[in-house]
Amino acid sequence: MPPPKGCRLCESGIKVLNYKDERTLARFISDQGKIVPRRISGACARHQRQLGTAVKRARYLGLLMYVREHEV
């Protein structure tokens, strides 16, 4: 069994996630546009809750898309 991953956000010194930081939020969104679960993202509980709130706010304001565009 591999050792548990550390929270990337804690390691980089981020205390509060900002909904305006699209680049950081995009790392935690799947190809279908869903928020990646904590067991996959490796985020701690505090940052995972902040992540969900920030992604929802960014979607509401139009900074992030709800669903990625389909390729035909």
Protein backbone atom coordinates (compact mmCIF):
# COMPACT_ATOMS: atom_id res chain seq x y z
CA MET A 1 0.00 0.00 0.00
CA PRO A 2 1.52 3.37 -1.01
CA PRO A 3 2.00 6.05 1.64
CA PRO A 4 -0.81 8.63 1.87
CA LYS A 5 -0.43 11.73 -0.26
CA GLY A 6 0.03 15.04 1.48
CA CYS A 7 -2.28 17.91 0.71
CA ARG A 8 -0.74 19.90 -2.16
CA LEU A 9 -2.48 23.05 -1.00
CA CYS A 10 -1.09 22.77 2.55
CA GLU A 11 2.39 22.06 1.20
CA SER A 12 2.28 25.15 -1.03
CA GLY A 13 1.17 27.33 1.90
CA ILE A 14 -2.34 28.17 0.65
CA LYS A 15 -4.61 28.82 3.63
CA VAL A 16 -7.74 30.00 1.82
CA LEU A 17 -8.77 29.08 -1.73
CA ASN A 18 -9.96 31.93 -3.91
CA TYR A 19 -12.71 31.35 -6.49
CA LYS A 20 -10.90 33.74 -8.88
CA ASP A 21 -7.86 31.44 -9.14
CA GLU A 22 -9.02 29.43 -12.17
CA ARG A 23 -5.69 27.68 -12.72
CA THR A 24 -5.66 26.11 -9.26
CA LEU A 25 -9.33 25.15 -9.38
CA ALA A 26 -8.99 23.56 -12.83
CA ARG A 27 -6.50 21.02 -11.42
CA PHE A 28 -9.26 19.63 -9.18
CA ILE A 29 -11.92 19.23 -11.87
CA SER A 30 -12.33 16.04 -13.92
CA ASP A 31 -12.74 15.81 -17.69
CA GLN A 32 -16.52 15.74 -17.29
CA GLY A 33 -16.40 18.92 -15.19
CA LYS A 34 -16.98 17.21 -11.84
CA ILE A 35 -15.14 18.10 -8.65
CA VAL A 36 -12.50 15.43 -7.97
CA PRO A 37 -13.12 13.53 -4.70
CA ARG A 38 -10.77 13.88 -1.77
CA ARG A 39 -9.38 10.36 -1.99
CA ILE A 40 -8.15 11.06 -5.53
CA SER A 41 -7.11 14.71 -5.19
CA GLY A 42 -5.22 14.12 -1.94
CA ALA A 43 -6.56 17.33 -0.42
CA CYS A 44 -7.16 17.61 3.31
CA ALA A 45 -10.73 17.95 4.60
CA ARG A 46 -10.49 21.72 5.09
CA HIS A 47 -9.18 22.39 1.59
CA GLN A 48 -11.65 19.95 -0.01
CA ARG A 49 -14.56 21.89 1.53
CA GLN A 50 -13.05 25.19 0.38
CA LEU A 51 -12.48 23.69 -3.05
CA GLY A 52 -16.12 22.70 -3.48
CA THR A 53 -17.33 26.14 -2.45
CA ALA A 54 -14.82 27.94 -4.68
CA VAL A 55 -15.65 25.81 -7.74
CA LYS A 56 -19.38 26.38 -7.26
CA ARG A 57 -18.87 30.14 -6.92
CA ALA A 58 -16.62 30.25 -10.00
CA ARG A 59 -19.20 28.29 -12.02
CA TYR A 60 -22.01 30.60 -10.93
CA LEU A 61 -20.03 33.68 -11.98
CA GLY A 62 -19.02 32.11 -15.30
CA LEU A 63 -15.31 31.76 -14.54
CA LEU A 64 -15.48 27.96 -14.87
CA MET A 65 -17.70 25.92 -17.14
CA TYR A 66 -20.26 23.52 -15.69
CA VAL A 67 -19.50 20.94 -18.40
CA ARG A 68 -16.53 20.81 -20.75
CA GLU A 69 -17.23 21.10 -24.46
CA HIS A 70 -17.93 17.87 -26.31
CA GLU A 71 -15.62 16.85 -29.13
CA VAL A 72 -17.33 15.24 -32.09
